[in-house]
């Protein structure tokens, strides 16, 4: 597991466009109850909401990573695409544990790489996506036609996990919401994971879809656990760096001294 230590102001790098021009897809889930008929929302700032119903496992707190690769394979197998999940990495930044402001939303999404690997961040809680804040039940957010998304880890571990993750990946692959609310890209979490022929065509045109030496189409997902750490060390001005945990280094030094 690699660790990235991040401090300082919100990152501002963009692979294309500007903060005002980039669009998002949002997934929302109600805390309790069964499915509810809900309208989708698309705002002038290009943000689309996905609403639904369901609950995270009782008593869960703190971000953690759960991902069902086989379940995602079944969904994207409709497009002949294999989903390949890479090793989990850790992003140490307490500012991104709970995403409830636009600055935090843009900041976390802008830590994602330019692709083709899709960075997926697991956080404690979500109540903001882009310029949309305070909307009840938000559980995920992702760029449209650009890699990078974040999800609430407890909800990803619920019965809606595969749908939520696949939906946000769909946004990264260029998909918007369906007009009638049906299928994987419906404007609420509806228990459906189907893709239309038109959606499959858009996905296959995405630069995030790769081809291996056997001709198999695939996408790569990099899960990131967002976590906290005491005594965070400031980074050089050059940006991000990979480090070993201070505790591991201290233990190694003690062993050497004892020897």
Protein backbone atom coordinates (compact mmCIF):
# COMPACT_ATOMS: atom_id res chain seq x y z
CA UNK A 1 0.00 0.00 0.00
CA UNK A 2 1.46 3.37 -0.94
CA UNK A 3 0.74 6.55 0.94
CA UNK A 4 0.48 10.09 -0.35
CA UNK A 5 0.81 12.89 2.17
CA UNK A 6 -0.97 16.07 1.07
CA UNK A 7 -1.07 19.44 2.77
CA UNK A 8 -1.79 23.03 1.80
CA UNK A 9 -4.47 24.77 -0.20
CA UNK A 10 -6.94 23.18 -2.56
CA UNK A 11 -5.29 21.77 -5.67
CA UNK A 12 -6.23 23.56 -8.87
CA UNK A 13 -4.80 21.45 -11.67
CA UNK A 14 -7.27 20.56 -14.42
CA UNK A 15 -6.82 18.31 -17.41
CA UNK A 16 -9.21 20.42 -19.45
CA UNK A 17 -11.55 23.38 -19.13
CA UNK A 18 -11.96 25.44 -16.00
CA UNK A 19 -13.63 24.97 -12.64
CA UNK A 20 -16.76 26.65 -13.96
CA UNK A 21 -16.85 24.59 -17.14
CA UNK A 22 -16.25 21.08 -15.83
CA UNK A 23 -19.34 18.98 -15.18
CA UNK A 24 -20.05 16.52 -12.40
CA UNK A 25 -22.29 13.58 -11.74
CA UNK A 26 -23.66 13.26 -8.22
CA UNK A 27 -25.15 10.22 -6.53
CA UNK A 28 -27.48 10.70 -3.58
CA UNK A 29 -29.01 8.15 -1.26
CA UNK A 30 -31.67 8.61 1.38
CA UNK A 31 -30.73 7.42 4.85
CA UNK A 32 -33.74 5.13 5.36
CA UNK A 33 -36.61 3.41 3.60
CA UNK A 34 -37.33 1.69 0.31
CA UNK A 35 -37.10 3.08 -3.20
CA UNK A 36 -38.81 6.39 -3.69
CA UNK A 37 -39.82 7.99 -6.96
CA UNK A 38 -37.57 11.02 -7.25
CA UNK A 39 -36.85 13.47 -10.00
CA UNK A 40 -33.35 14.13 -11.28
CA UNK A 41 -31.87 17.58 -11.15
CA UNK A 42 -29.55 19.30 -13.60
CA UNK A 43 -28.34 22.75 -12.66
CA UNK A 44 -26.87 25.62 -14.67
CA UNK A 45 -23.43 24.80 -13.27
CA UNK A 46 -23.53 21.42 -15.02
CA UNK A 47 -24.14 19.33 -11.91
CA UNK A 48 -26.49 16.34 -12.15
CA UNK A 49 -27.98 14.74 -9.07
CA UNK A 50 -28.72 11.06 -8.64
CA UNK A 51 -31.19 10.27 -5.89
CA UNK A 52 -32.22 7.03 -4.33
CA UNK A 53 -32.92 5.16 -1.13
CA UNK A 54 -31.04 2.78 1.06
CA UNK A 55 -28.84 2.76 4.11
CA UNK A 56 -25.22 2.13 4.94
CA UNK A 57 -24.38 -0.66 7.39
CA UNK A 58 -25.45 0.32 10.91
CA UNK A 59 -22.75 1.60 13.20
CA UNK A 60 -20.14 2.22 10.51
CA UNK A 61 -17.86 5.22 10.82
CA UNK A 62 -14.58 6.19 9.22
CA UNK A 63 -13.65 5.63 5.61
CA UNK A 64 -12.83 2.12 4.45
CA UNK A 65 -12.55 0.42 1.07
CA UNK A 66 -14.95 -2.18 -0.28
CA UNK A 67 -15.20 -3.02 -3.97
CA UNK A 68 -16.81 -5.95 -5.77
CA UNK A 69 -14.72 -6.42 -8.90
CA UNK A 70 -16.83 -9.31 -10.16
CA UNK A 71 -19.99 -7.26 -9.72
CA UNK A 72 -18.51 -4.37 -11.70
CA UNK A 73 -17.33 -6.83 -14.37
CA UNK A 74 -20.91 -8.01 -14.78
CA UNK A 75 -22.11 -4.44 -15.32
CA UNK A 76 -19.42 -3.29 -17.73
CA UNK A 77 -19.32 -6.68 -19.42
CA UNK A 78 -22.36 -5.35 -21.29
CA UNK A 79 -19.84 -3.22 -23.20
CA UNK A 80 -17.28 -6.04 -23.42
CA UNK A 81 -15.12 -4.27 -20.82
CA UNK A 82 -13.19 -5.95 -18.02
CA UNK A 83 -12.87 -3.92 -14.80
CA UNK A 84 -9.43 -4.26 -13.22
CA UNK A 85 -8.99 -3.04 -9.66
CA UNK A 86 -5.49 -1.98 -8.64
CA UNK A 87 -3.98 -2.10 -5.15
CA UNK A 88 -5.53 0.23 -2.61
CA UNK A 89 -3.53 3.36 -1.82
CA UNK A 90 -3.90 5.87 1.00
CA UNK A 91 -4.35 9.63 0.80
CA UNK A 92 -3.54 11.26 4.14
CA UNK A 93 -5.46 14.51 4.34
CA UNK A 94 -7.91 15.27 7.15
CA UNK A 95 -9.50 18.04 5.07
CA UNK A 96 -10.94 15.42 2.72
CA UNK A 97 -12.42 13.06 5.30
CA UNK A 98 -15.82 14.76 5.07
CA UNK A 99 -16.66 16.48 1.79
CA UNK A 100 -19.12 19.25 2.64
CA UNK A 101 -17.84 22.31 0.76
CA UNK A 102 -17.17 23.15 -2.87
CA UNK A 103 -13.51 23.74 -2.08
CA UNK A 104 -13.18 20.25 -0.64
CA UNK A 105 -15.07 18.73 -3.57
CA UNK A 106 -12.92 20.38 -6.21
CA UNK A 107 -9.80 19.80 -4.15
CA UNK A 108 -10.29 16.06 -3.84
CA UNK A 109 -11.39 15.54 -7.44
CA UNK A 110 -8.42 17.53 -8.67
CA UNK A 111 -6.03 15.14 -6.93
CA UNK A 112 -7.08 12.49 -9.46
CA UNK A 113 -4.65 11.72 -12.23
CA UNK A 114 -5.20 12.50 -15.90
CA UNK A 115 -5.90 8.85 -16.75
CA UNK A 116 -6.30 6.30 -18.11
CA UNK A 117 -6.45 4.94 -14.55
CA UNK A 118 -9.61 6.10 -12.72
CA UNK A 119 -8.85 7.25 -9.18
CA UNK A 120 -11.72 6.47 -6.79
CA UNK A 121 -11.59 8.04 -3.32
CA UNK A 122 -13.39 6.55 -0.30
CA UNK A 123 -14.35 9.19 2.29
CA UNK A 124 -16.24 9.28 5.59
CA UNK A 125 -19.16 11.39 4.43
CA UNK A 126 -20.36 13.45 1.45
CA UNK A 127 -22.68 16.44 1.36
CA UNK A 128 -21.16 18.42 -1.52
CA UNK A 129 -20.33 17.89 -5.18
CA UNK A 130 -18.84 20.73 -7.18
CA UNK A 131 -20.83 23.88 -6.50
CA UNK A 132 -23.73 21.90 -5.03
CA UNK A 133 -23.55 21.84 -1.22
CA UNK A 134 -25.91 20.93 1.57
CA UNK A 135 -28.08 18.65 -0.56
CA UNK A 136 -29.34 15.82 1.66
CA UNK A 137 -28.28 12.28 0.84
CA UNK A 138 -25.28 12.84 -1.42
CA UNK A 139 -23.15 9.71 -1.39
CA UNK A 140 -20.87 10.15 -4.41
CA UNK A 141 -19.52 12.58 -6.98
CA UNK A 142 -17.54 12.20 -10.19
CA UNK A 143 -16.25 14.16 -13.14
CA UNK A 144 -18.05 13.67 -16.45
CA UNK A 145 -15.79 12.58 -19.34
CA UNK A 146 -12.74 12.79 -17.11
CA UNK A 147 -11.23 10.42 -14.49
CA UNK A 148 -11.81 10.97 -10.80
CA UNK A 149 -14.63 10.29 -8.35
CA UNK A 150 -15.31 9.99 -4.64
CA UNK A 151 -17.87 7.97 -2.72
CA UNK A 152 -19.08 7.59 0.85
CA UNK A 153 -17.47 4.36 2.02
CA UNK A 154 -20.37 3.19 4.17
CA UNK A 155 -22.80 3.47 1.26
CA UNK A 156 -20.36 1.72 -1.06
CA UNK A 157 -20.58 -1.20 1.37
CA UNK A 158 -24.38 -1.30 1.15
CA UNK A 159 -26.66 -3.13 -1.26
CA UNK A 160 -26.29 -0.17 -3.63
CA UNK A 161 -22.49 -0.34 -3.75
CA UNK A 162 -22.02 -1.79 -7.25
CA UNK A 163 -24.66 0.49 -8.72
CA UNK A 164 -23.20 3.58 -7.06
CA UNK A 165 -19.62 2.85 -8.10
CA UNK A 166 -20.56 1.79 -11.65
CA UNK A 167 -22.76 4.90 -12.02
CA UNK A 168 -19.95 7.27 -11.08
CA UNK A 169 -17.51 5.39 -13.32
CA UNK A 170 -20.08 5.83 -16.08
CA UNK A 171 -19.86 9.60 -15.63
CA UNK A 172 -16.06 9.39 -15.88
CA UNK A 173 -16.51 7.46 -19.14
CA UNK A 174 -18.64 10.25 -20.57
CA UNK A 175 -22.19 9.24 -19.69
CA UNK A 176 -24.86 11.65 -18.53
CA UNK A 177 -28.20 10.73 -17.00
CA UNK A 178 -30.97 8.92 -18.86
CA UNK A 179 -33.96 11.10 -19.67
CA UNK A 180 -36.50 8.67 -18.20
CA UNK A 181 -34.53 7.70 -15.10
CA UNK A 182 -34.01 4.11 -16.20
CA UNK A 183 -30.89 1.99 -16.30
CA UNK A 184 -27.54 2.40 -14.62
CA UNK A 185 -27.42 6.11 -15.43
CA UNK A 186 -30.90 6.95 -14.19
CA UNK A 187 -31.19 10.14 -12.16
CA UNK A 188 -31.66 8.13 -8.95
CA UNK A 189 -30.26 4.90 -7.59
CA UNK A 190 -32.98 2.61 -8.90
CA UNK A 191 -31.55 -0.89 -8.56
CA UNK A 192 -30.96 -1.09 -12.33
CA UNK A 193 -27.55 -1.58 -13.93
CA UNK A 194 -28.39 -1.87 -17.63
CA UNK A 195 -26.64 0.13 -20.34
CA UNK A 196 -28.23 1.10 -23.64
CA UNK A 197 -26.58 0.62 -27.03
CA UNK A 198 -26.08 4.39 -27.26
CA UNK A 199 -24.41 4.48 -23.84
CA UNK A 200 -22.15 1.58 -24.76
CA UNK A 201 -21.06 3.46 -27.89
CA UNK A 202 -20.11 6.49 -25.76
CA UNK A 203 -18.19 4.30 -23.31
CA UNK A 204 -16.25 2.61 -26.09
CA UNK A 205 -15.21 6.04 -27.36
CA UNK A 206 -13.74 7.03 -24.00
CA UNK A 207 -9.99 7.48 -23.74
CA UNK A 208 -10.13 5.70 -20.39
CA UNK A 209 -10.92 2.37 -22.07
CA UNK A 210 -7.72 0.44 -22.77
CA UNK A 211 -6.91 -2.68 -24.79
CA UNK A 212 -4.50 -5.39 -23.63
CA UNK A 213 -2.26 -7.58 -25.79
CA UNK A 214 -5.04 -10.14 -26.24
CA UNK A 215 -7.45 -7.52 -27.56
CA UNK A 216 -9.51 -7.43 -24.35
CA UNK A 217 -11.00 -4.04 -23.51
CA UNK A 218 -10.57 -2.96 -19.90
CA UNK A 219 -10.63 -0.06 -17.48
CA UNK A 220 -8.40 0.30 -14.43
CA UNK A 221 -9.72 1.51 -11.08
CA UNK A 222 -7.38 2.74 -8.35
CA UNK A 223 -9.10 2.76 -4.93
CA UNK A 224 -7.86 5.43 -2.51
CA UNK A 225 -8.59 5.39 1.21
CA UNK A 226 -8.80 8.96 2.51
CA UNK A 227 -7.62 9.06 6.09
CA UNK A 228 -6.20 11.21 8.89
CA UNK A 229 -2.77 11.27 10.44
CA UNK A 230 -1.22 13.19 13.34
CA UNK A 231 1.82 15.39 12.72
CA UNK A 232 1.47 15.65 8.95
CA UNK A 233 4.78 16.72 7.42
CA UNK A 234 4.56 19.60 4.88
CA UNK A 235 5.47 18.66 1.33
CA UNK A 236 8.09 20.35 -0.83
CA UNK A 237 6.79 22.99 -3.24
CA UNK A 238 7.11 20.47 -6.07
CA UNK A 239 3.92 18.76 -4.91
CA UNK A 240 3.04 15.20 -3.91
CA UNK A 241 5.50 12.54 -2.81
CA UNK A 242 5.41 8.96 -1.70
CA UNK A 243 6.76 8.32 1.80
CA UNK A 244 7.07 5.59 4.38
CA UNK A 245 5.16 6.02 7.60
CA UNK A 246 7.16 7.69 10.34
CA UNK A 247 6.32 4.86 12.74
CA UNK A 248 7.79 2.26 10.40
CA UNK A 249 10.98 4.27 10.05
CA UNK A 250 11.24 4.70 13.83
CA UNK A 251 10.80 0.98 14.42
CA UNK A 252 13.50 0.18 11.84
CA UNK A 253 15.92 2.58 13.51
CA UNK A 254 15.25 1.07 16.94
CA UNK A 255 15.89 -2.44 15.64
CA UNK A 256 19.18 -1.36 14.06
CA UNK A 257 20.27 0.38 17.27
CA UNK A 258 19.44 -2.67 19.34
CA UNK A 259 21.48 -4.84 16.97
